[in-house]
Protein backbone atom coordinates (compact mmCIF):
# COMPACT_ATOMS: atom_id res chain seq x y z
CA MET A 1 103.86 95.47 86.37
CA PRO A 2 106.60 95.48 89.07
CA ALA A 3 105.82 93.66 92.28
CA GLU A 4 104.98 95.98 95.14
CA SER A 5 106.52 95.53 98.53
CA PHE A 6 104.16 95.53 101.45
CA PRO A 7 105.11 96.62 104.94
CA SER A 8 105.85 93.81 107.33
CA SER A 9 103.37 93.55 110.11
CA SER A 10 104.41 94.01 113.69
CA PRO A 11 100.97 94.24 115.30
CA PRO A 12 100.32 94.42 119.01
CA SER A 13 100.97 91.10 120.71
CA VAL A 14 97.55 90.78 122.39
CA LEU A 15 95.85 87.64 121.11
CA GLY A 16 92.15 86.95 121.07
CA PRO A 17 89.52 85.28 118.92
CA LEU A 18 89.97 85.13 115.16
CA VAL A 19 88.48 88.21 113.52
CA SER A 20 87.42 88.37 109.87
CA VAL A 21 87.92 91.87 108.47
CA VAL A 22 85.73 92.33 105.38
CA ILE A 23 86.78 95.21 103.14
CA PRO A 24 84.63 96.26 100.17
CA CYS A 25 86.57 97.95 97.35
CA CYS A 26 85.00 99.67 94.39
CA GLY A 27 88.10 101.14 92.86
CA MET A 28 89.93 103.82 94.81
CA ARG A 29 93.17 101.85 95.01
CA GLU A 30 94.84 104.88 96.62
CA TYR A 31 92.59 104.53 99.66
CA THR A 32 93.19 100.80 99.95
CA LYS A 33 96.94 101.45 99.79
CA LEU A 34 96.59 103.78 102.80
CA LEU A 35 94.44 101.30 104.72
CA ILE A 36 96.69 98.23 104.42
CA PRO A 37 99.78 99.61 106.25
CA SER A 38 97.59 100.84 109.12
CA LEU A 39 95.90 97.41 109.36
CA LEU A 40 99.23 95.58 109.39
CA LYS A 41 100.67 97.90 112.02
CA HIS A 42 97.70 98.20 114.35
CA THR A 43 95.76 94.93 114.09
CA ARG A 44 96.43 92.23 116.62
CA PRO A 45 96.51 88.60 115.50
CA PRO A 46 94.74 86.43 114.70
CA TYR A 47 92.84 88.06 111.87
CA GLU A 48 92.04 87.44 108.23
CA LEU A 49 91.36 89.93 105.46
CA LEU A 50 88.52 89.36 103.01
CA PHE A 51 88.15 91.82 100.14
CA LEU A 52 85.05 92.38 98.05
CA ASP A 53 86.24 93.95 94.80
CA VAL A 54 83.34 95.37 92.80
CA GLY A 55 84.30 96.11 89.22
CA SER A 56 87.53 97.95 89.97
CA LEU A 57 89.31 99.19 86.86
CA ASP A 58 92.09 101.20 88.52
CA GLY A 59 94.54 98.40 89.36
CA THR A 60 92.86 97.44 92.63
CA ALA A 61 92.52 93.78 91.54
CA GLU A 62 96.22 93.54 90.71
CA TYR A 63 97.13 95.29 93.96
CA LEU A 64 95.06 92.81 95.98
CA GLU A 65 96.66 89.86 94.14
CA GLY A 66 100.10 91.23 95.00
CA LEU A 67 99.02 91.80 98.58
CA ALA A 68 97.97 88.17 98.98
CA ALA A 69 101.25 86.97 97.47
CA GLY A 70 103.34 89.41 99.53
CA LEU A 71 101.85 88.54 102.92
CA PRO A 72 101.98 84.75 103.22
CA ASN A 73 101.42 84.86 107.01
CA VAL A 74 98.03 86.59 106.71
CA ARG A 75 95.01 84.78 105.28
CA ILE A 76 93.74 86.95 102.46
CA GLU A 77 90.71 86.14 100.32
CA VAL A 78 89.52 88.22 97.39
CA ALA A 79 86.08 87.88 95.82
CA ARG A 80 85.40 89.83 92.64
CA ALA A 81 82.09 91.02 91.27
CA ALA A 82 82.57 92.13 87.66
CA THR A 83 79.44 94.32 87.77
CA ASP A 84 76.84 95.49 90.26
CA LEU A 85 74.62 92.64 89.07
CA ASP A 86 77.13 90.13 90.49
CA ILE A 87 77.36 91.65 93.99
CA SER A 88 74.73 89.46 95.69
CA ALA A 89 76.29 86.16 94.64
CA THR A 90 79.80 87.43 95.30
CA VAL A 91 78.92 88.61 98.82
CA LYS A 92 77.32 85.24 99.53
CA ASP A 93 80.48 83.48 98.32
CA LEU A 94 82.75 85.76 100.35
CA PHE A 95 80.73 85.32 103.53
CA SER A 96 80.89 81.54 103.11
CA ARG A 97 84.68 81.85 103.43
CA ILE A 98 84.63 83.70 106.76
CA ARG A 99 86.33 81.77 109.55
CA GLY A 100 86.34 84.38 112.33
CA GLU A 101 84.36 84.42 115.53
CA PHE A 102 83.82 88.14 114.89
CA VAL A 103 83.29 89.97 111.60
CA VAL A 104 84.31 93.59 111.07
CA LEU A 105 83.10 95.48 108.01
CA LEU A 106 85.75 98.08 107.22
CA ASN A 107 85.54 100.46 104.28
CA ASN A 108 88.66 100.74 102.15
CA ASP A 109 88.88 104.49 102.84
CA THR A 110 89.58 103.83 106.53
CA VAL A 111 92.85 104.25 108.39
CA VAL A 112 92.90 102.35 111.70
CA THR A 113 94.83 103.32 114.81
CA ASN A 114 96.46 101.53 117.72
CA GLY A 115 94.12 99.28 119.70
CA TRP A 116 91.19 99.67 117.32
CA LEU A 117 90.38 95.97 117.08
CA ASN A 118 90.74 95.14 120.77
CA GLN A 119 88.35 97.98 121.59
CA LEU A 120 85.72 96.74 119.15
CA ILE A 121 86.04 93.11 120.27
CA GLY A 122 85.97 94.16 123.93
CA LEU A 123 82.74 96.06 123.38
CA ALA A 124 81.19 93.20 121.40
CA SER A 125 82.14 90.73 124.13
CA MET A 126 80.51 92.71 126.94
CA SER A 127 77.08 91.20 126.38
CA PRO A 128 75.23 89.06 123.85
CA THR A 129 72.98 92.02 123.02
CA ILE A 130 75.89 94.28 122.12
CA GLY A 131 77.79 91.52 120.31
CA SER A 132 74.88 90.81 117.99
CA GLY A 133 74.54 94.40 116.82
CA ALA A 134 76.53 96.72 114.63
CA PHE A 135 78.95 99.24 116.02
CA GLY A 136 82.11 101.00 114.95
CA PRO A 137 85.12 102.89 116.20
CA LYS A 138 85.23 106.60 116.94
CA THR A 139 85.11 108.48 113.70
CA ILE A 140 88.24 110.30 112.73
CA VAL A 141 87.91 112.85 109.99
CA CYS A 142 90.35 111.96 107.27
CA ARG A 143 90.73 114.32 104.37
CA TYR A 144 92.85 113.49 101.40
CA ARG A 145 94.44 116.05 99.21
CA ARG A 146 96.42 115.61 96.09
CA PRO A 147 98.42 118.48 94.71
CA PRO A 148 98.33 118.50 90.91
CA GLY A 149 100.62 115.68 89.80
CA GLY A 150 101.56 114.89 93.40
CA ARG A 151 101.04 112.19 96.00
CA ILE A 152 97.97 111.83 98.17
CA GLU A 153 98.49 113.13 101.68
CA ALA A 154 96.31 112.00 104.57
CA ILE A 155 95.30 114.66 107.08
CA LEU A 156 93.90 113.16 110.26
CA ALA A 157 91.96 115.03 112.91
CA ASN A 158 89.63 113.87 115.67
CA SER A 159 86.04 114.52 114.80
CA PRO A 160 83.77 116.33 117.22
CA ALA A 161 82.01 113.57 119.12
């Protein structure tokens, strides 16, 4: 399998606390391949990426291996659960590897935009009550379409809030 090239990251220069971005993947490599460039472009350092790969059979595991090898300046950890029965132990193992002051759970079918992480961290830092809860960015409706035999195209539109 030829090595893939991954976009170089030129994220915003605003620094802050280390953030661990946890990304569950259960196949759907196409979605993960849309997520990664947006993360590299729009995520400010320092951050680490931790993937939970659950039984992917579509090349996701190989893609994630190539991603880790292709981005030596980003800490990337991949934990694999061969089946649903392995998820609990694999999640426990993955969470033991987290180094960040903040943890963001980000689905692999997400595309992030400019400033997304600073906004989340800013909100979490406002008070201990907010920082200990769960919250997320504004939802953007993202529809994917694939013409027969063609490439996936992402169509982004702001959702009604």
